[in-house]
């Protein structure tokens, strides 16, 4: 299931352009030195990936708790359904439910700290901008977090979020290098693909939970559970 994280990150990055694109365009990179500009952008992305890895660690622990509780199969099905519902629900409907409200003050502090970093062109500031950017609320990140939980493992939860973040890098970097080609029309066309990819990933998680015996996609029920005694023939 890890490959789905990268694919979803790659496709959903056009949504990220709309949300985080203005931040990417504002980062204080050297516009006259291409080599330095590349290293600065890489530093920014390392900051974002660090944030995603931290989030993956936290939600990987949550997933591990479900694994130890022995509800792996049902969790995978629930995660798949939650992904699909989140993807197909119109944004105007989701906007009525402010999921970030409980941590609104923290988010406000993050935004405030983010604004201060734009005044400094050091690599530390670029890393911090990426780090804080990664912690800002994002619908696509919320969907990816479902996948991190479904991994039911701390290392795989971290890896899932890292792969999701890596998938967003090409488009996010293109915004800085070739922002002129990222027209509204182009973004709108690719935006239409995002729901289909999200639904496919959700279906994969459901199939995984059903244990239909399909190699790599839906392993048999027996292999989904930790057993006290080996299943030998």
Protein backbone atom coordinates (compact mmCIF):
# COMPACT_ATOMS: atom_id res chain seq x y z
CA UNK A 1 0.00 0.00 0.00
CA UNK A 2 2.99 2.33 0.35
CA UNK A 3 3.09 3.10 -3.38
CA UNK A 4 -0.38 4.62 -3.07
CA UNK A 5 1.06 7.33 -0.78
CA UNK A 6 3.46 8.57 -3.46
CA UNK A 7 0.81 8.46 -6.20
CA UNK A 8 -1.69 10.33 -4.04
CA UNK A 9 0.95 12.92 -3.13
CA UNK A 10 1.82 13.38 -6.81
CA UNK A 11 -1.80 13.86 -7.88
CA UNK A 12 -2.96 15.90 -4.89
CA UNK A 13 0.02 18.27 -5.20
CA UNK A 14 -2.05 20.39 -7.60
CA UNK A 15 -4.46 20.96 -4.73
CA UNK A 16 -1.42 21.85 -2.62
CA UNK A 17 -0.42 24.45 -5.19
CA UNK A 18 -3.66 26.28 -4.56
CA UNK A 19 -3.23 26.12 -0.77
CA UNK A 20 0.54 26.29 -0.27
CA UNK A 21 1.59 27.67 -3.64
CA UNK A 22 1.57 31.29 -2.41
CA UNK A 23 3.88 30.26 0.45
CA UNK A 24 6.22 28.49 -1.99
CA UNK A 25 6.33 31.60 -4.21
CA UNK A 26 7.20 33.77 -1.23
CA UNK A 27 10.10 31.72 0.13
CA UNK A 28 13.27 33.85 0.10
CA UNK A 29 15.33 31.97 -2.49
CA UNK A 30 18.15 33.44 -4.57
CA UNK A 31 16.59 34.18 -7.97
CA UNK A 32 19.94 35.02 -9.58
CA UNK A 33 21.92 31.90 -8.62
CA UNK A 34 20.32 28.71 -10.03
CA UNK A 35 22.60 26.32 -8.09
CA UNK A 36 21.96 28.05 -4.77
CA UNK A 37 18.27 28.25 -5.59
CA UNK A 38 18.12 24.46 -5.96
CA UNK A 39 19.78 23.84 -2.59
CA UNK A 40 17.45 26.37 -0.96
CA UNK A 41 14.37 24.68 -2.39
CA UNK A 42 15.68 21.28 -1.27
CA UNK A 43 16.13 22.69 2.24
CA UNK A 44 12.52 23.94 2.18
CA UNK A 45 11.27 20.50 1.12
CA UNK A 46 13.35 18.76 3.80
CA UNK A 47 11.53 20.93 6.33
CA UNK A 48 8.14 19.88 4.92
CA UNK A 49 9.12 16.22 4.89
CA UNK A 50 10.27 16.49 8.50
CA UNK A 51 6.82 17.78 9.44
CA UNK A 52 5.11 14.95 7.55
CA UNK A 53 7.41 12.37 9.15
CA UNK A 54 6.55 13.72 12.61
CA UNK A 55 2.84 13.55 11.86
CA UNK A 56 3.31 10.04 10.45
CA UNK A 57 5.08 9.04 13.66
CA UNK A 58 2.17 10.22 15.80
CA UNK A 59 -0.53 8.60 13.69
CA UNK A 60 1.61 5.50 13.19
CA UNK A 61 1.47 5.07 16.95
CA UNK A 62 -2.31 5.37 16.77
CA UNK A 63 -2.39 2.71 14.06
CA UNK A 64 -0.11 0.45 16.09
CA UNK A 65 -2.56 0.73 18.99
CA UNK A 66 -5.34 -0.58 16.74
CA UNK A 67 -3.03 -3.35 15.53
CA UNK A 68 -2.34 -4.49 19.08
CA UNK A 69 -6.07 -4.38 19.77
CA UNK A 70 -6.57 -6.96 17.00
CA UNK A 71 -8.93 -4.97 14.76
CA UNK A 72 -6.62 -4.58 11.78
CA UNK A 73 -9.10 -5.84 9.21
CA UNK A 74 -12.01 -3.67 10.30
CA UNK A 75 -9.70 -0.67 10.65
CA UNK A 76 -8.50 -1.01 7.05
CA UNK A 77 -12.10 -1.14 5.80
CA UNK A 78 -13.08 1.86 7.95
CA UNK A 79 -10.05 3.85 6.74
CA UNK A 80 -10.92 3.10 3.11
CA UNK A 81 -14.52 4.25 3.59
CA UNK A 82 -13.36 7.39 5.47
CA UNK A 83 -10.95 8.23 2.63
CA UNK A 84 -13.68 7.92 0.01
CA UNK A 85 -16.18 9.99 2.02
CA UNK A 86 -13.58 12.71 2.63
CA UNK A 87 -12.61 12.84 -1.05
CA UNK A 88 -16.13 12.89 -2.54
CA UNK A 89 -17.59 15.34 0.00
CA UNK A 90 -17.61 18.87 -1.52
CA UNK A 91 -15.18 21.29 0.11
CA UNK A 92 -17.98 23.72 0.87
CA UNK A 93 -19.58 21.03 3.05
CA UNK A 94 -16.33 20.22 4.85
CA UNK A 95 -15.81 23.93 5.44
CA UNK A 96 -18.82 23.86 7.76
CA UNK A 97 -16.84 21.62 10.09
CA UNK A 98 -13.68 23.31 11.32
CA UNK A 99 -11.61 20.28 12.32
CA UNK A 100 -8.70 22.51 13.28
CA UNK A 101 -10.77 24.60 15.71
CA UNK A 102 -9.52 22.73 18.84
CA UNK A 103 -5.94 23.70 17.92
CA UNK A 104 -6.76 27.09 16.41
CA UNK A 105 -4.41 28.97 18.75
CA UNK A 106 -1.54 26.64 17.89
CA UNK A 107 -2.19 27.10 14.17
CA UNK A 108 -2.28 30.87 14.63
CA UNK A 109 1.13 30.71 16.31
CA UNK A 110 2.47 28.58 13.45
CA UNK A 111 1.24 31.12 10.89
CA UNK A 112 2.73 33.96 12.91
CA UNK A 113 6.11 32.18 13.14
CA UNK A 114 5.93 31.37 9.44
CA UNK A 115 5.51 35.04 8.54
CA UNK A 116 8.58 36.02 10.53
CA UNK A 117 10.78 33.47 8.73
CA UNK A 118 10.21 35.09 5.32
CA UNK A 119 12.32 38.04 6.44
CA UNK A 120 15.41 35.83 6.78
CA UNK A 121 17.19 34.18 3.83
CA UNK A 122 19.25 31.70 5.85
CA UNK A 123 19.01 27.94 5.26
CA UNK A 124 17.71 27.55 8.80
CA UNK A 125 14.81 29.87 7.96
CA UNK A 126 14.08 27.96 4.75
CA UNK A 127 14.00 24.69 6.71
CA UNK A 128 11.72 26.30 9.31
CA UNK A 129 9.37 27.64 6.61
CA UNK A 130 9.03 24.13 5.19
CA UNK A 131 8.57 22.62 8.65
CA UNK A 132 5.85 25.07 9.67
CA UNK A 133 4.22 24.80 6.23
CA UNK A 134 3.96 21.03 6.74
CA UNK A 135 2.02 21.49 9.98
CA UNK A 136 -0.62 23.79 8.47
CA UNK A 137 -4.10 22.24 8.02
CA UNK A 138 -4.63 20.59 4.62
CA UNK A 139 -7.45 18.34 3.41
CA UNK A 140 -5.10 16.17 1.36
CA UNK A 141 -2.83 15.65 4.36
CA UNK A 142 -5.86 14.58 6.39
CA UNK A 143 -6.63 11.91 3.79
CA UNK A 144 -3.00 10.74 3.79
CA UNK A 145 -3.15 10.45 7.59
CA UNK A 146 -5.86 7.82 7.22
CA UNK A 147 -3.32 5.80 5.26
CA UNK A 148 -0.65 6.31 7.93
CA UNK A 149 -3.03 4.96 10.58
CA UNK A 150 -3.94 1.99 8.39
CA UNK A 151 -0.26 1.02 8.14
CA UNK A 152 -0.61 -0.03 11.84
CA UNK A 153 3.12 0.43 12.33
CA UNK A 154 5.20 3.39 13.45
CA UNK A 155 7.99 3.00 10.82
CA UNK A 156 5.48 2.41 8.02
CA UNK A 157 3.32 5.30 9.25
CA UNK A 158 6.34 7.59 8.97
CA UNK A 159 7.28 6.12 5.59
CA UNK A 160 3.73 6.53 4.27
CA UNK A 161 3.73 10.25 5.09
CA UNK A 162 7.26 10.69 3.72
CA UNK A 163 6.28 9.12 0.41
CA UNK A 164 3.19 11.32 0.30
CA UNK A 165 5.40 14.37 0.86
CA UNK A 166 7.92 13.25 -1.76
CA UNK A 167 5.06 12.92 -4.23
CA UNK A 168 4.21 16.61 -3.77
CA UNK A 169 7.77 17.82 -4.42
CA UNK A 170 7.77 17.89 -8.26
CA UNK A 171 4.74 20.17 -8.56
CA UNK A 172 5.63 22.33 -5.56
CA UNK A 173 9.10 22.86 -7.03
CA UNK A 174 7.62 23.65 -10.44
CA UNK A 175 5.62 26.46 -8.88
CA UNK A 176 8.89 28.17 -7.97
CA UNK A 177 10.75 27.42 -11.20
CA UNK A 178 7.95 27.54 -13.78
CA UNK A 179 5.06 29.32 -12.11
CA UNK A 180 3.98 30.78 -15.47
CA UNK A 181 2.90 27.37 -16.83
CA UNK A 182 0.78 26.55 -13.79
CA UNK A 183 -2.28 28.27 -15.20
CA UNK A 184 -5.67 28.12 -13.53
CA UNK A 185 -7.01 26.13 -16.48
CA UNK A 186 -4.22 23.55 -16.19
CA UNK A 187 -4.72 23.20 -12.42
CA UNK A 188 -8.49 22.83 -12.81
CA UNK A 189 -8.04 19.98 -15.30
CA UNK A 190 -5.78 18.00 -13.00
CA UNK A 191 -7.90 18.84 -9.95
CA UNK A 192 -10.65 16.73 -11.53
CA UNK A 193 -8.38 13.66 -11.37
CA UNK A 194 -7.77 13.93 -7.60
CA UNK A 195 -11.15 12.49 -6.46
CA UNK A 196 -10.75 9.44 -8.72
CA UNK A 197 -7.27 8.69 -7.36
CA UNK A 198 -8.48 9.16 -3.77
CA UNK A 199 -11.40 6.79 -4.32
CA UNK A 200 -9.13 4.16 -5.91
CA UNK A 201 -6.79 4.32 -2.91
CA UNK A 202 -9.76 4.07 -0.55
CA UNK A 203 -11.01 0.99 -2.43
CA UNK A 204 -7.55 -0.59 -2.13
CA UNK A 205 -7.70 -0.19 1.65
CA UNK A 206 -11.18 -1.73 1.72
CA UNK A 207 -10.02 -4.68 -0.38
CA UNK A 208 -7.04 -5.10 1.93
CA UNK A 209 -9.39 -5.35 4.90
CA UNK A 210 -11.74 -7.81 3.20
CA UNK A 211 -8.97 -10.43 2.91
CA UNK A 212 -10.05 -11.83 -0.45
CA UNK A 213 -6.82 -13.71 -1.03
CA UNK A 214 -5.65 -11.47 -3.89
CA UNK A 215 -1.81 -11.26 -3.79
CA UNK A 216 -0.42 -7.83 -2.83
CA UNK A 217 -3.90 -6.26 -2.90
CA UNK A 218 -6.12 -8.25 -0.57
CA UNK A 219 -4.15 -10.84 1.41
CA UNK A 220 -6.04 -13.76 2.93
CA UNK A 221 -7.66 -13.23 6.33
CA UNK A 222 -5.18 -15.55 8.05
CA UNK A 223 -2.21 -13.33 7.11
CA UNK A 224 -3.84 -10.19 8.47
CA UNK A 225 -3.77 -11.31 12.09
CA UNK A 226 -1.08 -12.10 14.61
CA UNK A 227 -1.57 -15.65 15.86
CA UNK A 228 -0.35 -17.44 18.97
CA UNK A 229 0.43 -20.58 16.98
CA UNK A 230 1.70 -20.87 13.39
CA UNK A 231 -0.72 -21.91 10.68
CA UNK A 232 1.11 -24.96 9.28
CA UNK A 233 -0.12 -27.69 6.97
